[in-house]
Structures are given as structure tokens and as C-alpha cells.
Protein backbone atom coordinates (compact mmCIF):
# COMPACT_ATOMS: atom_id res chain seq x y z
CA MET A 1 13.35 75.98 -42.02
CA VAL A 2 11.11 79.11 -41.56
CA ASP A 3 9.14 80.28 -44.62
CA PRO A 4 9.89 84.01 -45.12
CA VAL A 5 6.63 84.58 -47.19
CA LYS A 6 4.49 83.29 -44.44
CA ASN A 7 6.15 85.42 -41.81
CA THR A 8 5.58 88.47 -43.93
CA THR A 9 1.85 87.68 -44.33
CA ASP A 10 1.37 87.11 -40.56
CA ALA A 11 3.04 90.36 -39.80
CA GLY A 12 0.72 92.23 -42.16
CA ARG A 13 -2.33 90.69 -40.65
CA TRP A 14 -1.20 91.66 -37.08
CA ALA A 15 -0.60 95.22 -38.31
CA GLU A 16 -4.18 95.41 -39.84
CA LEU A 17 -5.66 94.01 -36.64
CA ARG A 18 -3.91 96.55 -34.51
CA LEU A 19 -5.07 99.39 -36.78
CA TYR A 20 -8.67 98.12 -36.68
CA LEU A 21 -8.61 97.89 -32.89
CA ARG A 22 -7.35 101.46 -32.70
CA GLN A 23 -10.17 102.72 -35.02
CA GLN A 24 -13.05 100.90 -33.47
CA PRO A 25 -13.50 103.14 -30.44
CA VAL A 26 -13.60 106.17 -32.64
CA MET A 27 -16.28 104.56 -34.95
CA LEU A 28 -18.30 103.48 -31.91
CA ALA A 29 -18.16 106.99 -30.47
CA LEU A 30 -19.21 108.39 -33.85
CA LEU A 31 -22.11 106.01 -34.13
CA ALA A 32 -23.15 106.83 -30.61
CA VAL A 33 -23.16 110.55 -31.43
CA LEU A 34 -25.20 109.99 -34.52
CA ALA A 35 -27.70 107.88 -32.50
CA VAL A 36 -28.05 110.63 -29.94
CA PHE A 37 -28.48 113.27 -32.66
CA PHE A 38 -31.18 111.25 -34.39
CA PHE A 39 -32.91 110.66 -31.02
CA LEU A 40 -32.92 114.34 -30.14
CA GLY A 41 -34.15 115.10 -33.54
CA VAL A 42 -36.99 112.70 -33.40
CA THR A 43 -37.88 113.83 -29.83
CA GLY A 44 -37.88 117.41 -30.91
CA LEU A 45 -40.08 116.76 -33.87
CA SER A 46 -42.41 114.70 -31.66
CA ARG A 47 -42.65 117.51 -29.09
CA ALA A 48 -43.26 120.08 -31.79
CA TYR A 49 -45.95 117.91 -33.27
CA HIS A 50 -47.70 117.47 -29.89
CA ALA A 51 -47.20 121.05 -28.98
CA GLN A 52 -48.86 122.05 -32.23
CA ARG A 53 -51.80 119.70 -31.60
CA GLU A 54 -52.13 121.01 -28.02
CA SER A 55 -52.11 124.59 -29.36
CA LEU A 56 -54.76 123.81 -31.93
CA GLY A 57 -56.85 121.97 -29.32
CA ASN A 58 -56.59 124.94 -26.90
CA ARG A 59 -57.49 127.34 -29.62
CA TRP A 60 -60.71 125.43 -30.39
CA TYR A 61 -61.46 125.05 -26.79
CA SER A 62 -61.08 128.80 -26.07
CA ARG A 63 -63.49 129.50 -28.90
CA GLY A 64 -65.86 126.91 -27.48
CA VAL A 65 -65.76 128.54 -24.05
CA ALA A 66 -66.58 131.94 -25.43
CA ASP A 67 -69.53 130.59 -27.37
CA LEU A 68 -70.70 128.57 -24.34
CA ASN A 69 -70.65 131.61 -22.14
CA ALA A 70 -72.64 133.52 -24.78
CA GLU A 71 -75.10 130.55 -24.98
CA ARG A 72 -74.20 129.86 -28.67
CA TYR A 73 -74.45 126.21 -27.93
CA ASP A 74 -74.43 124.92 -31.55
CA ALA A 75 -71.11 126.63 -32.26
CA ALA A 76 -69.75 125.53 -28.84
CA VAL A 77 -70.47 121.88 -29.62
CA MET A 78 -68.67 122.01 -32.91
CA GLU A 79 -65.66 123.81 -31.40
CA PHE A 80 -65.37 121.37 -28.38
CA ARG A 81 -65.63 118.45 -30.78
CA SER A 82 -62.78 119.96 -32.83
CA ALA A 83 -60.71 120.39 -29.73
CA LEU A 84 -61.17 116.73 -28.84
CA LEU A 85 -59.71 115.70 -32.23
CA TYR A 86 -56.41 116.95 -30.93
CA SER A 87 -56.77 115.57 -27.38
CA ARG A 88 -59.35 112.81 -27.19
CA ASP A 89 -59.11 112.19 -23.42
CA ASN A 90 -58.91 115.82 -22.25
CA TYR A 91 -61.13 116.09 -19.22
CA ASP A 92 -61.94 119.75 -19.53
CA TYR A 93 -62.85 119.45 -23.16
CA ARG A 94 -65.27 116.62 -22.54
CA ARG A 95 -66.87 118.37 -19.61
CA SER A 96 -67.38 121.58 -21.58
CA LEU A 97 -68.85 119.63 -24.53
CA ALA A 98 -71.35 118.03 -22.11
CA GLU A 99 -72.36 121.49 -20.82
CA ALA A 100 -72.94 122.63 -24.54
CA LEU A 101 -75.02 119.57 -25.25
CA ILE A 102 -77.15 120.25 -22.14
CA GLY A 103 -77.66 123.80 -23.43
CA LEU A 104 -79.11 122.17 -26.65
CA LYS A 105 -81.30 119.88 -24.53
CA ARG A 106 -79.40 116.89 -25.88
CA SER A 107 -79.37 115.26 -22.46
CA ALA A 108 -78.78 111.63 -23.67
CA GLU A 109 -75.53 112.59 -25.41
CA ALA A 110 -74.50 114.74 -22.46
CA SER A 111 -75.17 111.85 -20.02
CA THR A 112 -72.71 109.62 -21.86
CA TYR A 113 -69.93 112.08 -21.47
CA LEU A 114 -70.78 113.00 -17.87
CA ALA A 115 -71.08 109.38 -16.78
CA ASN A 116 -67.57 108.75 -18.16
CA LEU A 117 -66.25 111.91 -16.41
CA TRP A 118 -67.96 110.95 -13.14
CA GLU A 119 -66.17 107.58 -13.21
CA ARG A 120 -62.86 109.42 -13.50
CA GLU A 121 -63.60 112.20 -11.07
CA PRO A 122 -66.62 111.40 -8.84
CA GLU A 123 -65.94 114.43 -6.68
CA ASP A 124 -66.07 116.99 -9.53
CA GLY A 125 -68.67 119.56 -8.51
CA LEU A 126 -69.61 120.69 -11.99
CA VAL A 127 -70.07 117.12 -13.33
CA ASN A 128 -72.33 116.32 -10.38
CA LEU A 129 -74.29 119.51 -10.87
CA GLU A 130 -74.85 118.76 -14.55
CA LEU A 131 -75.89 115.15 -13.80
CA ALA A 132 -78.34 116.56 -11.25
CA ARG A 133 -79.90 118.89 -13.87
CA ILE A 134 -80.28 115.99 -16.29
CA ALA A 135 -81.96 113.88 -13.54
CA VAL A 136 -84.39 116.78 -12.90
CA GLN A 137 -85.27 116.85 -16.60
CA LYS A 138 -85.91 113.16 -16.53
CA GLY A 139 -87.99 113.39 -13.36
CA GLN A 140 -85.57 111.21 -11.45
CA LYS A 141 -85.97 112.79 -8.08
CA ASP A 142 -83.77 110.49 -5.89
CA GLN A 143 -80.86 110.67 -8.40
CA ALA A 144 -81.27 114.47 -8.62
CA LEU A 145 -81.01 114.81 -4.89
CA ARG A 146 -77.95 112.59 -4.74
CA TYR A 147 -76.03 114.46 -7.49
CA TYR A 148 -77.09 117.89 -6.01
CA HIS A 149 -75.77 116.88 -2.61
CA ASN A 150 -72.59 115.56 -4.31
CA ALA A 151 -72.14 118.85 -5.99
CA ILE A 152 -72.67 120.92 -2.79
CA TYR A 153 -70.03 118.97 -0.86
CA ALA A 154 -67.76 118.29 -3.89
CA VAL A 155 -64.40 119.82 -4.71
CA TRP A 156 -64.60 123.25 -6.40
CA PRO A 157 -61.73 125.44 -7.56
CA SER A 158 -61.17 128.45 -5.28
CA ASP A 159 -62.42 130.81 -8.02
CA GLN A 160 -65.73 128.88 -8.44
CA GLU A 161 -66.91 128.68 -4.79
CA ALA A 162 -70.03 130.56 -5.96
CA ARG A 163 -71.00 127.49 -7.99
CA ARG A 164 -71.32 125.54 -4.75
CA ARG A 165 -73.87 128.09 -3.43
CA ASP A 166 -75.62 128.09 -6.80
CA ALA A 167 -75.92 124.29 -6.59
CA ARG A 168 -77.64 124.49 -3.21
CA LEU A 169 -79.95 127.24 -4.58
CA GLU A 170 -80.82 125.04 -7.51
CA LEU A 171 -81.52 122.14 -5.10
CA ILE A 172 -83.75 124.37 -2.94
CA ASP A 173 -85.70 125.54 -5.97
CA PHE A 174 -86.09 121.91 -7.07
CA LEU A 175 -87.36 120.81 -3.61
CA LEU A 176 -89.89 123.62 -3.51
CA THR A 177 -91.12 122.78 -7.03
CA THR A 178 -91.66 119.17 -5.92
CA GLY A 179 -93.42 120.21 -2.71
CA ALA A 180 -90.68 119.13 -0.31
CA GLN A 181 -90.95 122.24 1.80
CA ALA A 182 -89.39 120.77 5.01
CA GLN A 183 -86.31 119.64 3.12
CA ALA A 184 -86.07 122.98 1.37
CA GLN A 185 -86.32 124.80 4.67
CA ALA A 186 -83.44 122.74 6.07
CA GLU A 187 -81.28 123.53 3.03
CA LEU A 188 -82.12 127.22 3.32
CA ILE A 189 -81.17 127.35 6.95
CA ALA A 190 -77.82 125.71 5.95
CA LEU A 191 -77.35 128.24 3.19
CA GLU A 192 -78.19 131.14 5.46
CA GLU A 193 -75.13 130.36 7.63
CA ASN A 194 -72.77 130.71 4.71
CA ILE A 195 -74.36 133.25 2.32
CA GLY A 196 -72.87 136.36 3.86
CA ALA A 197 -74.46 139.91 3.89
CA ASP A 198 -74.57 140.49 0.20
CA PRO A 199 -77.92 142.24 -0.34
CA MET A 200 -78.71 140.46 -3.62
CA GLN A 201 -78.09 137.04 -2.12
CA GLN A 202 -80.06 137.93 1.05
CA ALA A 203 -83.04 139.10 -1.04
CA ARG A 204 -83.02 135.84 -2.95
CA LEU A 205 -82.84 134.01 0.33
CA GLY A 206 -85.85 135.94 1.62
CA ASP A 207 -87.86 135.16 -1.50
CA LEU A 208 -87.10 131.41 -1.06
CA PHE A 209 -88.06 131.50 2.57
CA LEU A 210 -91.36 133.01 1.60
CA ARG A 211 -91.99 130.07 -0.67
CA VAL A 212 -91.49 127.53 2.12
CA PRO A 213 -93.16 129.37 3.82
CA ASP A 214 -90.89 130.44 6.76
CA TYR A 215 -91.85 134.11 7.39
CA GLU A 216 -89.52 134.52 10.36
CA HIS A 217 -86.36 133.74 8.42
CA ALA A 218 -87.72 135.61 5.37
CA LEU A 219 -88.19 138.73 7.44
CA ALA A 220 -84.68 138.39 8.94
CA ALA A 221 -83.12 138.15 5.44
CA TYR A 222 -85.04 141.23 4.16
CA ARG A 223 -84.00 143.20 7.21
CA LEU A 224 -80.35 142.53 6.30
CA VAL A 225 -81.00 143.80 2.83
CA LEU A 226 -82.57 146.93 4.08
CA LYS A 227 -79.73 147.75 6.36
CA LYS A 228 -77.53 148.24 3.33
CA GLU A 229 -80.24 149.33 0.84
CA PRO A 230 -83.06 151.03 2.73
CA ASN A 231 -84.99 151.89 -0.44
CA ASN A 232 -84.89 148.36 -1.97
CA GLN A 233 -88.41 148.00 -3.22
CA ALA A 234 -88.48 144.23 -3.35
CA ALA A 235 -87.01 143.86 0.12
CA LEU A 236 -89.59 146.47 1.56
CA ALA A 237 -92.47 144.44 -0.03
CA GLY A 238 -91.13 141.13 1.14
CA ALA A 239 -90.48 142.37 4.66
CA GLY A 240 -94.06 143.86 4.78
CA LEU A 241 -95.49 140.49 3.69
CA GLY A 242 -93.37 138.57 6.24
CA ALA A 243 -94.31 140.89 9.10
CA PHE A 244 -97.96 140.73 7.99
CA GLN A 245 -98.04 136.96 8.04
CA LEU A 246 -96.38 136.97 11.49
CA ASN A 247 -99.18 139.21 12.83
CA ARG A 248 -96.70 142.07 13.44
CA TYR A 249 -98.93 144.71 12.07
CA PRO A 250 -97.14 147.92 13.15
CA GLU A 251 -93.97 146.65 11.54
CA ALA A 252 -95.81 145.41 8.45
CA GLN A 253 -97.45 148.85 8.19
CA ARG A 254 -94.05 150.60 8.22
CA TYR A 255 -92.60 148.43 5.55
CA LEU A 256 -95.71 148.37 3.33
CA ARG A 257 -96.07 152.05 3.36
CA SER A 258 -92.52 152.46 2.13
CA ALA A 259 -93.11 149.87 -0.55
CA VAL A 260 -96.26 151.43 -1.83
CA ALA A 261 -94.74 154.97 -1.67
CA GLY A 262 -91.83 153.75 -3.81
CA ASP A 263 -93.85 151.70 -6.31
CA SER A 264 -97.49 152.65 -6.94
CA THR A 265 -97.84 149.62 -9.19
CA ASP A 266 -97.22 147.14 -6.31
CA LYS A 267 -100.83 146.09 -6.03
CA ARG A 268 -100.14 143.22 -3.49
CA SER A 269 -98.43 145.57 -1.07
CA ALA A 270 -101.19 148.11 -1.49
CA GLU A 271 -103.85 145.59 -0.65
CA LEU A 272 -101.96 144.26 2.36
CA LEU A 273 -101.47 147.87 3.59
CA LYS A 274 -105.25 148.47 3.47
CA VAL A 275 -105.91 145.40 5.54
CA THR A 276 -103.03 146.25 7.91
CA ASP A 277 -104.39 149.77 8.46
CA LEU A 278 -107.90 148.35 9.18
CA VAL A 279 -106.48 145.86 11.64
CA LEU A 280 -104.60 148.53 13.59
CA LYS A 281 -107.61 150.91 13.42
CA MET A 282 -110.29 148.36 14.44
CA ASP A 283 -108.49 146.25 17.13
CA PRO A 284 -110.16 147.20 20.37
CA PHE A 285 -107.43 145.62 22.48
CA ARG A 286 -104.57 147.75 21.38
CA ARG A 287 -102.87 149.21 24.43
CA GLN A 288 -102.58 152.71 22.82
CA LEU A 289 -106.35 153.21 22.55
CA THR A 290 -108.37 155.28 25.00
CA ILE A 291 -111.52 153.78 26.60
CA ALA A 292 -113.73 155.76 24.29
CA GLN A 293 -111.89 154.57 21.19
CA ARG A 294 -112.03 151.03 22.40
CA ASP A 295 -115.74 151.15 23.00
CA LYS A 296 -116.36 152.73 19.61
CA ASN A 297 -114.34 149.97 17.89
CA VAL A 298 -116.36 147.31 19.75
CA VAL A 299 -119.67 148.79 18.51
CA ASP A 300 -118.49 149.09 14.95
CA SER A 301 -117.06 145.53 14.95
CA PHE A 302 -120.34 144.14 16.32
CA THR A 303 -122.31 145.86 13.65
CA THR A 304 -119.91 144.61 10.95
CA ALA A 305 -120.14 140.97 12.24
CA GLY A 306 -123.93 141.20 12.21
CA GLN A 307 -124.01 142.27 8.52
CA ARG A 308 -121.49 139.57 7.63
CA LEU A 309 -123.69 136.95 9.35
CA LYS A 310 -126.75 138.21 7.52
CA SER A 311 -125.08 138.38 4.03
CA CYS A 312 -123.51 134.99 4.52
CA GLY A 313 -126.93 133.43 5.28
CA LEU A 314 -128.45 134.97 2.16
CA ALA A 315 -125.57 133.76 0.04
CA ARG A 316 -125.97 130.18 0.99
CA GLU A 317 -127.88 127.79 -1.40
CA PRO A 318 -130.62 127.42 -0.45
CA ALA A 319 -130.83 130.65 1.47
CA VAL A 320 -131.15 128.86 4.86
CA PRO A 321 -128.53 129.41 7.50
CA SER A 322 -126.78 126.45 9.19
CA ALA A 323 -127.55 125.48 12.73
CA ALA A 324 -124.32 127.05 13.86
CA GLN A 325 -125.11 130.28 12.11
CA SER A 326 -128.63 130.32 13.51
CA SER A 327 -127.26 129.94 17.02
CA LEU A 328 -124.73 132.77 16.39
CA ALA A 329 -127.56 134.90 14.90
CA ASP A 330 -129.68 134.35 18.00
CA ASN A 331 -126.80 135.24 20.28
CA TRP A 332 -126.04 138.41 18.32
CA ALA A 333 -129.67 139.47 18.37
CA ARG A 334 -129.86 138.98 22.19
CA MET A 335 -126.72 140.99 22.77
CA LYS A 336 -127.41 143.79 20.33
CA PRO A 337 -129.62 145.94 22.67
CA ASN A 338 -126.76 146.15 25.16
CA ILE A 339 -124.03 147.02 22.67
CA SER A 340 -123.62 150.77 22.83
CA GLU A 341 -120.63 152.95 23.90
CA ALA A 342 -122.52 153.92 27.05
CA ASP A 343 -123.33 150.31 28.11
CA LEU A 344 -119.75 149.26 27.41
CA ARG A 345 -118.46 152.02 29.71
CA ARG A 346 -120.77 150.83 32.45
CA ASP A 347 -119.91 147.13 31.97
CA PRO A 348 -116.32 146.67 30.81
CA ASP A 349 -116.78 142.83 30.86
CA LEU A 350 -119.25 143.24 28.04
CA VAL A 351 -116.28 144.27 25.77
CA GLU A 352 -114.77 140.81 25.91
CA ALA A 353 -118.12 139.03 25.47
CA ALA A 354 -119.12 141.08 22.48
CA MET A 355 -115.74 140.63 20.79
CA ASN A 356 -115.78 136.89 21.45
CA LEU A 357 -119.02 136.72 19.60
CA VAL A 358 -117.69 138.88 16.76
CA PHE A 359 -114.67 136.64 16.42
CA GLU A 360 -116.76 133.49 16.39
CA ILE A 361 -119.00 134.96 13.68
CA GLU A 362 -116.02 135.86 11.51
CA ARG A 363 -114.41 132.39 11.94
CA GLN A 364 -117.71 130.55 11.17
CA THR A 365 -118.63 132.63 8.16
CA SER A 366 -115.15 132.34 6.71
CA THR A 367 -115.66 128.63 6.68
CA THR A 368 -119.09 128.56 5.28
CA CYS A 369 -118.98 131.62 2.92
CA GLY A 370 -115.36 131.83 1.85
CA THR A 371 -112.54 134.26 2.60
CA PRO A 372 -113.80 137.67 3.70
CA THR A 373 -112.64 141.03 2.48
CA GLY A 374 -112.27 144.50 3.88
CA THR A 375 -113.34 145.00 7.50
CA ASP A 376 -114.43 141.35 7.89
CA MET A 377 -110.94 140.27 6.92
CA ALA A 378 -109.48 142.66 9.43
CA LEU A 379 -111.69 141.24 12.12
CA LEU A 380 -110.80 137.70 11.23
CA LEU A 381 -107.10 138.59 11.56
CA ILE A 382 -107.70 140.37 14.85
CA ALA A 383 -109.43 137.24 16.06
CA ARG A 384 -106.31 135.12 15.14
CA LEU A 385 -104.09 137.76 16.72
CA HIS A 386 -105.81 137.37 20.12
CA GLU A 387 -106.42 133.61 20.01
CA GLY A 388 -105.62 132.12 23.39
CA SER A 389 -105.23 135.49 25.10
């Protein structure tokens, strides 16, 4: 016989179960919506937090860059360190901090940052350039050269291509300072091909070529400057010096005259101009001279050489001429009676013989009695001008 109470209880339980099963999807959906809501809320808060930190870091970084550019290195260091509190691994912040530390001559601290940055980005031009500068300060020549070359051939942003050129210029200056003229010349020639026609850069190029010294390339650079800036005083003086050293005296005279006319305080150009004028006036072998002018120049040069020989012998200690000077003095004394304008017109071969003796006297006395001045310097330069001719 079926128990009616039990049947009623079972029916109630099945009804409750069916109700629960109908409600469960709704509850699950509600929980899912709540989970998504909380996730989005936490994500939003996290993003806002990080955005705020990034904003604060950028704010400190911007201040640091402004102070770095103004060479307020103490302030820049503090500001970059503050920026790093909000982004400890930020590459740009660390690199800028290293620059500021270098500005304060705190190379050891800067090296630590730069070495870490170099490990992360070994092709970063600025990092390599700063490492090169630190190596220069420490006297580490080989490391300096390596980092400078890395910087020159490294990756630079398009708006910082000038930094690549500046890196090569720094390297050249370093090489010249350390006496590596041949290497500096090679770097200058490489730079020359890419520097363009900017007068300021060409003038700097010319100055560096003078230091090598490579007067041919220096003169070419100054000529490019003067094409755009004909009255550039520094370029006129540099071109005059370059032409003078290349024995191109008419060209040197033109540049030096302009340089002195534009700047009366340019003592070096004025002195070079005096010597240049004397060379062009006294050289008896210039094609533009008449025979009478040539013969007069030979007589004057012969007299000048004799006086130089005499004064050089008196200046020696003791005042006894060397064997070579005695021989030159004897030759000069034997030739002297025949050195007149009339004799030279009658015997043109005597011109060359007389000038050969003059040149030999000036060479010998420049060795034994030091660098000559005035007309003797002019004769020595004329001798070098006609060597082998």
C-alpha cells in the first residue's frame, strides 16, 4: 500500500529541484556579469594608476631635458632620478641621466648606466658617443676609438644625423690631440665627402685640415666657404696660409691682402703677407720680370746672402765659422767681383750660378743659425720653390 505522506514529500522535492535548475543559469549569468564588471574596474584603475605614473615620469623627464640643454646638470640629475622612480627601466631616462652625470664629471656613475644601456642597445649612437668621451677622460685610447667608430656607424634618429657628423669631428679632434695625424687625415677625407657646402662646416673642416697639416684639402675647404661668403675673415686668413704653405704665392698674396684689409689685428696674416710680398718681389726667376729686373734681383739677393753668411758666423759660439760656411764664404768672395747688372747681362749663365750659391748659403745658415727673417726668409722660400728645377 502506497504511503500518501511520502508521495507528497517526493513531489515537493522534485518541484524545488526544478525551480533551482531554472534559477541557476540566471545566477551564473549574474555572477559572470559581476566578475566582468569588477575586472574592468580593476583594469581601469590599474591603467589610470600607470597612466598617472607615466605622466609624472614624463613631467620630470621634460624638466630634466630642459635643464640638461641649459647645462644645469645638478638639477637635471635630480629630475631624471625622479623620473626613474616612476619608470625604473625607461631607456631614455637612464640615458639622459648618464648625460647629466657626465656634465658633472661623475664619469664612474655615468659609466654604470651607459654600460647597462650598451648591453641593451649596442648600436645606440649617443650611448657609444658618451662611452667614447668617458674613455677619452680616462686616457683609454683604444676604447675611445672603438666607441667613436661605433657612434659614427651607429643608428641615429633622422632628426639627429648631425650628431653622427659631430661624433666624427670629436674623433678627429681626439686623434689630432694624440698626434695621430695620418688617422685624422683619413677621417677628415671621409667627412669631406659628406659634409656638404655649409660655410660654417667647411670652415671647420679647413681648420682641422690645417692641423694635420694637409694644406691642399684645407685650401679647397676655404675656397668653398669664400664662394658663398667672400668676406669671411677666418676663411681668407686660412686660405692665405694654405696657399702660402703650398708655395702658391700669388694666390696667397690675394687672400692675405683681403684678410689684412678686413682685420688689421690679424698679425699672423700681416706677417705672412710681408714675406709673400718679398718672395714675389725678389724671385729672379718669375716669368713676368724683365731682364733688367731679374739682374737687379740677383745682385740684391747676392748681397743679402753675403750679409747673412757674415752675421751667422759672428753669431756662432765661439765666433768661428764651420768648414761648410768657410767654403761658402770663399765661393761668395770669389764670385762677388763678377756680380753686377752689367756682368749678368753679358753672361746670363752667371744668374743661375749666383742664385745657386745664394740658395745654398740660406739653407746652410738656416741650419746653423736658426730660422731667418725678412729678406733671408724670402730667399730661403724662393730656394725651396725652385728646388729640382
